[in-house]
PDB file of N, CA and C in Angstrom:
ATOM      1  N   MET A   1     -11.849 -18.928   9.815  1.00  0.00           N
ATOM      2  CA  MET A   1     -10.313 -18.432  10.229  1.00  0.00           C
ATOM      3  C   MET A   1     -10.223 -16.974  10.403  1.00  0.00           C
ATOM      4  N   PRO A   2      -9.810 -16.366  11.241  1.00  0.00           N
ATOM      5  CA  PRO A   2      -9.677 -14.932  11.233  1.00  0.00           C
ATOM      6  C   PRO A   2      -8.574 -14.341  10.614  1.00  0.00           C
ATOM      7  N   ARG A   3      -8.587 -13.171   9.908  1.00  0.00           N
ATOM      8  CA  ARG A   3      -7.554 -12.499   9.284  1.00  0.00           C
ATOM      9  C   ARG A   3      -6.331 -12.142  10.190  1.00  0.00           C
ATOM     10  N   GLU A   4      -5.178 -12.248   9.603  1.00  0.00           N
ATOM     11  CA  GLU A   4      -3.891 -11.917  10.427  1.00  0.00           C
ATOM     12  C   GLU A   4      -4.165 -10.339  10.579  1.00  0.00           C
ATOM     13  N   ASP A   5      -3.577 -10.010  11.705  1.00  0.00           N
ATOM     14  CA  ASP A   5      -3.727  -8.522  12.154  1.00  0.00           C
ATOM     15  C   ASP A   5      -3.052  -7.637  10.896  1.00  0.00           C
ATOM     16  N   ILE A   6      -3.674  -6.502  10.495  1.00  0.00           N
ATOM     17  CA  ILE A   6      -3.200  -5.726   9.507  1.00  0.00           C
ATOM     18  C   ILE A   6      -1.659  -5.261   9.627  1.00  0.00           C
ATOM     19  N   ALA A   7      -1.363  -5.004  10.903  1.00  0.00           N
ATOM     20  CA  ALA A   7      -0.052  -4.397  11.191  1.00  0.00           C
ATOM     21  C   ALA A   7       1.133  -5.572  10.790  1.00  0.00           C
ATOM     22  N   ASN A   8       0.933  -6.708  11.101  1.00  0.00           N
ATOM     23  CA  ASN A   8       1.659  -7.862  10.725  1.00  0.00           C
ATOM     24  C   ASN A   8       1.933  -8.069   9.100  1.00  0.00           C
ATOM     25  N   VAL A   9       0.652  -7.897   8.382  1.00  0.00           N
ATOM     26  CA  VAL A   9       0.557  -8.014   7.079  1.00  0.00           C
ATOM     27  C   VAL A   9       1.515  -6.958   6.494  1.00  0.00           C
ATOM     28  N   LEU A  10       1.251  -5.723   6.827  1.00  0.00           N
ATOM     29  CA  LEU A  10       2.160  -4.747   6.375  1.00  0.00           C
ATOM     30  C   LEU A  10       3.434  -4.818   6.685  1.00  0.00           C
ATOM     31  N   ARG A  11       3.974  -5.394   7.865  1.00  0.00           N
ATOM     32  CA  ARG A  11       5.302  -5.494   8.287  1.00  0.00           C
ATOM     33  C   ARG A  11       5.898  -6.722   7.214  1.00  0.00           C
ATOM     34  N   ARG A  12       5.329  -7.558   6.844  1.00  0.00           N
ATOM     35  CA  ARG A  12       5.711  -8.710   6.148  1.00  0.00           C
ATOM     36  C   ARG A  12       5.713  -8.377   4.576  1.00  0.00           C
ATOM     37  N   ARG A  13       4.716  -7.743   4.278  1.00  0.00           N
ATOM     38  CA  ARG A  13       4.381  -7.273   2.709  1.00  0.00           C
ATOM     39  C   ARG A  13       5.289  -6.084   2.245  1.00  0.00           C
ATOM     40  N   THR A  14       5.343  -5.069   2.985  1.00  0.00           N
ATOM     41  CA  THR A  14       5.987  -3.730   2.570  1.00  0.00           C
ATOM     42  C   THR A  14       7.250  -3.848   1.943  1.00  0.00           C
ATOM     43  N   PRO A  15       8.290  -4.706   2.102  1.00  0.00           N
ATOM     44  CA  PRO A  15       9.401  -4.696   1.573  1.00  0.00           C
ATOM     45  C   PRO A  15       9.189  -5.131   0.112  1.00  0.00           C
ATOM     46  N   ALA A  16       8.278  -6.174  -0.208  1.00  0.00           N
ATOM     47  CA  ALA A  16       8.034  -6.495  -1.564  1.00  0.00           C
ATOM     48  C   ALA A  16       7.337  -5.592  -2.444  1.00  0.00           C
ATOM     49  N   LEU A  17       6.379  -4.724  -1.748  1.00  0.00           N
ATOM     50  CA  LEU A  17       5.410  -3.467  -2.360  1.00  0.00           C
ATOM     51  C   LEU A  17       6.362  -2.513  -2.633  1.00  0.00           C
ATOM     52  N   MET A  18       7.432  -2.292  -1.741  1.00  0.00           N
ATOM     53  CA  MET A  18       8.395  -1.111  -1.983  1.00  0.00           C
ATOM     54  C   MET A  18       9.355  -1.423  -3.000  1.00  0.00           C
ATOM     55  N   ALA A  19       9.542  -2.589  -3.264  1.00  0.00           N
ATOM     56  CA  ALA A  19      10.495  -2.937  -4.561  1.00  0.00           C
ATOM     57  C   ALA A  19       9.861  -2.696  -5.775  1.00  0.00           C
ATOM     58  N   ILE A  20       8.461  -2.360  -6.022  1.00  0.00           N
ATOM     59  CA  ILE A  20       7.766  -2.049  -7.008  1.00  0.00           C
ATOM     60  C   ILE A  20       8.036  -0.497  -7.478  1.00  0.00           C
ATOM     61  N   ASP A  21       8.777  -0.432  -8.572  1.00  0.00           N
ATOM     62  CA  ASP A  21       9.148   1.188  -9.195  1.00  0.00           C
ATOM     63  C   ASP A  21       7.820   1.966  -8.996  1.00  0.00           C
ATOM     64  N   GLY A  22       7.855   3.088  -8.152  1.00  0.00           N
ATOM     65  CA  GLY A  22       6.757   4.013  -8.251  1.00  0.00           C
ATOM     66  C   GLY A  22       5.961   3.922  -7.127  1.00  0.00           C
ATOM     67  N   VAL A  23       6.203   2.860  -6.146  1.00  0.00           N
ATOM     68  CA  VAL A  23       5.504   2.703  -4.741  1.00  0.00           C
ATOM     69  C   VAL A  23       6.442   3.836  -3.820  1.00  0.00           C
ATOM     70  N   ALA A  24       5.636   4.510  -3.096  1.00  0.00           N
ATOM     71  CA  ALA A  24       6.289   5.574  -2.355  1.00  0.00           C
ATOM     72  C   ALA A  24       6.195   4.976  -0.742  1.00  0.00           C
ATOM     73  N   GLY A  25       5.284   4.140  -0.471  1.00  0.00           N
ATOM     74  CA  GLY A  25       5.153   3.766   0.802  1.00  0.00           C
ATOM     75  C   GLY A  25       3.796   2.887   1.096  1.00  0.00           C
ATOM     76  N   THR A  26       3.618   2.558   2.328  1.00  0.00           N
ATOM     77  CA  THR A  26       2.504   1.712   2.674  1.00  0.00           C
ATOM     78  C   THR A  26       1.906   1.960   3.823  1.00  0.00           C
ATOM     79  N   GLY A  27       0.637   1.689   4.452  1.00  0.00           N
ATOM     80  CA  GLY A  27       0.127   2.031   5.675  1.00  0.00           C
ATOM     81  C   GLY A  27      -1.371   1.234   5.650  1.00  0.00           C
ATOM     82  N   GLU A  28      -1.871   1.778   6.794  1.00  0.00           N
ATOM     83  CA  GLU A  28      -3.200   1.108   7.175  1.00  0.00           C
ATOM     84  C   GLU A  28      -4.252   2.561   6.863  1.00  0.00           C
ATOM     85  N   GLY A  29      -5.349   2.359   6.231  1.00  0.00           N
ATOM     86  CA  GLY A  29      -6.215   3.414   6.176  1.00  0.00           C
ATOM     87  C   GLY A  29      -7.520   3.009   6.095  1.00  0.00           C
ATOM     88  N   ARG A  30      -8.378   3.990   5.863  1.00  0.00           N
ATOM     89  CA  ARG A  30      -9.822   3.596   5.574  1.00  0.00           C
ATOM     90  C   ARG A  30     -10.500   3.995   4.125  1.00  0.00           C
ATOM     91  N   ASP A  31     -11.311   3.075   3.873  1.00  0.00           N
ATOM     92  CA  ASP A  31     -11.831   3.518   2.879  1.00  0.00           C
ATOM     93  C   ASP A  31     -13.641   3.174   2.953  1.00  0.00           C
ATOM     94  N   GLY A  32     -14.253   4.400   3.420  1.00  0.00           N
ATOM     95  CA  GLY A  32     -15.550   4.427   3.765  1.00  0.00           C
ATOM     96  C   GLY A  32     -15.444   3.909   5.380  1.00  0.00           C
ATOM     97  N   ALA A  33     -15.943   2.701   5.415  1.00  0.00           N
ATOM     98  CA  ALA A  33     -16.154   2.053   6.853  1.00  0.00           C
ATOM     99  C   ALA A  33     -15.178   1.178   6.900  1.00  0.00           C
ATOM    100  N   ASP A  34     -14.475   0.864   5.788  1.00  0.00           N
ATOM    101  CA  ASP A  34     -13.632  -0.387   5.860  1.00  0.00           C
ATOM    102  C   ASP A  34     -12.254  -0.184   6.040  1.00  0.00           C
ATOM    103  N   THR A  35     -11.495  -1.047   6.928  1.00  0.00           N
ATOM    104  CA  THR A  35      -9.982  -0.838   7.151  1.00  0.00           C
ATOM    105  C   THR A  35      -9.233  -1.475   5.829  1.00  0.00           C
ATOM    106  N   VAL A  36      -8.456  -0.691   5.355  1.00  0.00           N
ATOM    107  CA  VAL A  36      -7.726  -1.162   4.324  1.00  0.00           C
ATOM    108  C   VAL A  36      -6.476  -0.998   4.351  1.00  0.00           C
ATOM    109  N   LEU A  37      -5.664  -1.864   3.390  1.00  0.00           N
ATOM    110  CA  LEU A  37      -4.128  -1.581   3.282  1.00  0.00           C
ATOM    111  C   LEU A  37      -4.033  -0.579   2.192  1.00  0.00           C
ATOM    112  N   VAL A  38      -3.026   0.564   2.386  1.00  0.00           N
ATOM    113  CA  VAL A  38      -3.002   1.419   1.381  1.00  0.00           C
ATOM    114  C   VAL A  38      -1.444   1.491   0.781  1.00  0.00           C
ATOM    115  N   VAL A  39      -1.452   1.406  -0.417  1.00  0.00           N
ATOM    116  CA  VAL A  39      -0.234   1.447  -1.180  1.00  0.00           C
ATOM    117  C   VAL A  39      -0.020   2.890  -1.720  1.00  0.00           C
ATOM    118  N   PHE A  40       0.949   3.728  -1.358  1.00  0.00           N
ATOM    119  CA  PHE A  40       0.998   4.949  -1.837  1.00  0.00           C
ATOM    120  C   PHE A  40       2.051   5.114  -3.034  1.00  0.00           C
ATOM    121  N   VAL A  41       1.585   5.653  -4.089  1.00  0.00           N
ATOM    122  CA  VAL A  41       2.230   5.503  -5.489  1.00  0.00           C
ATOM    123  C   VAL A  41       2.689   7.133  -5.528  1.00  0.00           C
ATOM    124  N   VAL A  42       3.947   7.253  -6.428  1.00  0.00           N
ATOM    125  CA  VAL A  42       4.060   8.388  -6.729  1.00  0.00           C
ATOM    126  C   VAL A  42       3.207   9.146  -7.786  1.00  0.00           C
ATOM    127  N   ARG A  43       2.824   8.120  -8.933  1.00  0.00           N
ATOM    128  CA  ARG A  43       1.848   8.662  -9.861  1.00  0.00           C
ATOM    129  C   ARG A  43       0.897   7.625  -9.960  1.00  0.00           C
ATOM    130  N   LYS A  44      -0.213   7.461 -10.011  1.00  0.00           N
ATOM    131  CA  LYS A  44      -1.192   6.353 -10.283  1.00  0.00           C
ATOM    132  C   LYS A  44      -1.516   6.331 -11.810  1.00  0.00           C
ATOM    133  N   THR A  45      -0.811   4.974 -12.168  1.00  0.00           N
ATOM    134  CA  THR A  45      -1.251   4.990 -13.662  1.00  0.00           C
ATOM    135  C   THR A  45      -1.818   3.283 -13.960  1.00  0.00           C
ATOM    136  N   PRO A  46      -2.488   3.213 -14.964  1.00  0.00           N
ATOM    137  CA  PRO A  46      -3.000   1.693 -15.091  1.00  0.00           C
ATOM    138  C   PRO A  46      -1.856   0.852 -14.889  1.00  0.00           C
ATOM    139  N   GLU A  47      -0.910   1.076 -15.602  1.00  0.00           N
ATOM    140  CA  GLU A  47       0.446  -0.102 -15.593  1.00  0.00           C
ATOM    141  C   GLU A  47       0.771  -0.343 -14.188  1.00  0.00           C
ATOM    142  N   LEU A  48       1.021   0.482 -13.267  1.00  0.00           N
ATOM    143  CA  LEU A  48       1.447   0.590 -11.924  1.00  0.00           C
ATOM    144  C   LEU A  48       0.480  -0.177 -11.048  1.00  0.00           C
ATOM    145  N   THR A  49      -0.854   0.135 -11.233  1.00  0.00           N
ATOM    146  CA  THR A  49      -1.951  -0.118 -10.242  1.00  0.00           C
ATOM    147  C   THR A  49      -2.024  -1.741 -10.780  1.00  0.00           C
ATOM    148  N   ALA A  50      -1.866  -2.092 -11.871  1.00  0.00           N
ATOM    149  CA  ALA A  50      -1.906  -3.468 -12.442  1.00  0.00           C
ATOM    150  C   ALA A  50      -0.701  -4.440 -11.685  1.00  0.00           C
ATOM    151  N   ARG A  51       0.190  -3.679 -11.269  1.00  0.00           N
ATOM    152  CA  ARG A  51       1.158  -4.508 -10.708  1.00  0.00           C
ATOM    153  C   ARG A  51       1.192  -4.667  -9.038  1.00  0.00           C
ATOM    154  N   ILE A  52       0.186  -4.028  -8.543  1.00  0.00           N
ATOM    155  CA  ILE A  52      -0.205  -3.983  -7.150  1.00  0.00           C
ATOM    156  C   ILE A  52      -1.414  -4.874  -7.009  1.00  0.00           C
ATOM    157  N   PRO A  53      -1.104  -5.897  -6.084  1.00  0.00           N
ATOM    158  CA  PRO A  53      -2.429  -6.911  -5.609  1.00  0.00           C
ATOM    159  C   PRO A  53      -3.526  -6.222  -5.153  1.00  0.00           C
ATOM    160  N   SER A  54      -4.753  -6.432  -5.639  1.00  0.00           N
ATOM    161  CA  SER A  54      -5.951  -5.814  -5.068  1.00  0.00           C
ATOM    162  C   SER A  54      -6.429  -6.248  -3.491  1.00  0.00           C
ATOM    163  N   GLU A  55      -5.862  -7.386  -3.445  1.00  0.00           N
ATOM    164  CA  GLU A  55      -5.851  -8.032  -1.753  1.00  0.00           C
ATOM    165  C   GLU A  55      -4.536  -8.552  -1.372  1.00  0.00           C
ATOM    166  N   LEU A  56      -4.325  -8.502   0.016  1.00  0.00           N
ATOM    167  CA  LEU A  56      -3.208  -9.329   0.374  1.00  0.00           C
ATOM    168  C   LEU A  56      -3.791  -9.877   1.770  1.00  0.00           C
ATOM    169  N   ASP A  57      -3.588 -11.124   1.663  1.00  0.00           N
ATOM    170  CA  ASP A  57      -4.027 -11.837   3.068  1.00  0.00           C
ATOM    171  C   ASP A  57      -5.198 -11.607   3.711  1.00  0.00           C
ATOM    172  N   GLY A  58      -6.164 -11.563   2.891  1.00  0.00           N
ATOM    173  CA  GLY A  58      -7.451 -11.207   3.301  1.00  0.00           C
ATOM    174  C   GLY A  58      -7.943  -9.645   3.379  1.00  0.00           C
ATOM    175  N   TRP A  59      -7.041  -8.563   3.034  1.00  0.00           N
ATOM    176  CA  TRP A  59      -7.171  -7.212   3.280  1.00  0.00           C
ATOM    177  C   TRP A  59      -7.269  -6.587   2.075  1.00  0.00           C
ATOM    178  N   ARG A  60      -8.180  -5.689   1.693  1.00  0.00           N
ATOM    179  CA  ARG A  60      -8.349  -5.241   0.439  1.00  0.00           C
ATOM    180  C   ARG A  60      -7.270  -4.166   0.366  1.00  0.00           C
ATOM    181  N   VAL A  61      -6.652  -3.934  -0.816  1.00  0.00           N
ATOM    182  CA  VAL A  61      -5.508  -3.086  -1.299  1.00  0.00           C
ATOM    183  C   VAL A  61      -6.113  -1.793  -1.874  1.00  0.00           C
ATOM    184  N   VAL A  62      -5.979  -0.551  -1.323  1.00  0.00           N
ATOM    185  CA  VAL A  62      -6.064   0.519  -2.133  1.00  0.00           C
ATOM    186  C   VAL A  62      -4.821   1.453  -2.543  1.00  0.00           C
ATOM    187  N   VAL A  63      -5.002   1.642  -3.854  1.00  0.00           N
ATOM    188  CA  VAL A  63      -3.808   2.576  -4.349  1.00  0.00           C
ATOM    189  C   VAL A  63      -4.247   4.002  -4.187  1.00  0.00           C
ATOM    190  N   ARG A  64      -3.173   4.739  -3.609  1.00  0.00           N
ATOM    191  CA  ARG A  64      -3.467   6.306  -3.463  1.00  0.00           C
ATOM    192  C   ARG A  64      -2.376   7.062  -3.934  1.00  0.00           C
ATOM    193  N   GLU A  65      -2.471   7.859  -4.803  1.00  0.00           N
ATOM    194  CA  GLU A  65      -1.404   8.882  -5.430  1.00  0.00           C
ATOM    195  C   GLU A  65      -0.939   9.894  -4.300  1.00  0.00           C
ATOM    196  N   VAL A  66       0.274   9.830  -4.051  1.00  0.00           N
ATOM    197  CA  VAL A  66       0.723  11.119  -3.259  1.00  0.00           C
ATOM    198  C   VAL A  66       1.883  12.027  -3.676  1.00  0.00           C
ATOM    199  N   GLY A  67       2.352  11.552  -4.893  1.00  0.00           N
ATOM    200  CA  GLY A  67       3.517  12.469  -5.566  1.00  0.00           C
ATOM    201  C   GLY A  67       4.752  12.038  -4.970  1.00  0.00           C
ATOM    202  N   LYS A  68       5.738  12.541  -5.077  1.00  0.00           N
ATOM    203  CA  LYS A  68       7.126  12.315  -4.779  1.00  0.00           C
ATOM    204  C   LYS A  68       7.253  12.584  -3.327  1.00  0.00           C
ATOM    205  N   VAL A  69       7.624  11.562  -2.613  1.00  0.00           N
ATOM    206  CA  VAL A  69       7.880  11.763  -0.985  1.00  0.00           C
ATOM    207  C   VAL A  69       9.477  11.966  -0.752  1.00  0.00           C
ATOM    208  N   THR A  70       9.553  13.041  -0.106  1.00  0.00           N
ATOM    209  CA  THR A  70      11.256  13.160   0.717  1.00  0.00           C
ATOM    210  C   THR A  70      11.345  13.392   1.839  1.00  0.00           C
ATOM    211  N   ALA A  71      12.377  13.120   2.621  1.00  0.00           N
ATOM    212  CA  ALA A  71      12.717  13.344   3.838  1.00  0.00           C
ATOM    213  C   ALA A  71      12.998  14.792   3.992  1.00  0.00           C
ATOM    214  N   PRO A  72      12.661  15.619   5.304  1.00  0.00           N
ATOM    215  CA  PRO A  72      13.026  16.923   5.227  1.00  0.00           C
ATOM    216  C   PRO A  72      14.550  16.935   5.624  1.00  0.00           C
ATOM    217  N   PRO A  73      15.273  18.074   5.165  1.00  0.00           N
ATOM    218  CA  PRO A  73      16.598  18.107   5.591  1.00  0.00           C
ATOM    219  C   PRO A  73      16.832  17.958   7.322  1.00  0.00           C
ATOM    220  N   PRO A  74      18.018  17.532   7.599  1.00  0.00           N
ATOM    221  CA  PRO A  74      18.310  17.249   9.008  1.00  0.00           C
ATOM    222  C   PRO A  74      18.559  18.704   9.699  1.00  0.00           C
TER     223      PRO A  74
END
């Protein structure tokens, strides 16, 4: 059975991932030659990483530290 499109997985799963304290965003990315689901975190800690699944709907999840993300002023 083929995997669900990664864009659909992100659309469905992002709200629950964003509810985890310390998660700054999600996206599609690359890890070597593999397409992966990326969870961006403010600070990558073992405790936070343990709360984020390593796989979602057949897609490998990679956690990347990005620091605090803010919107530019209007």
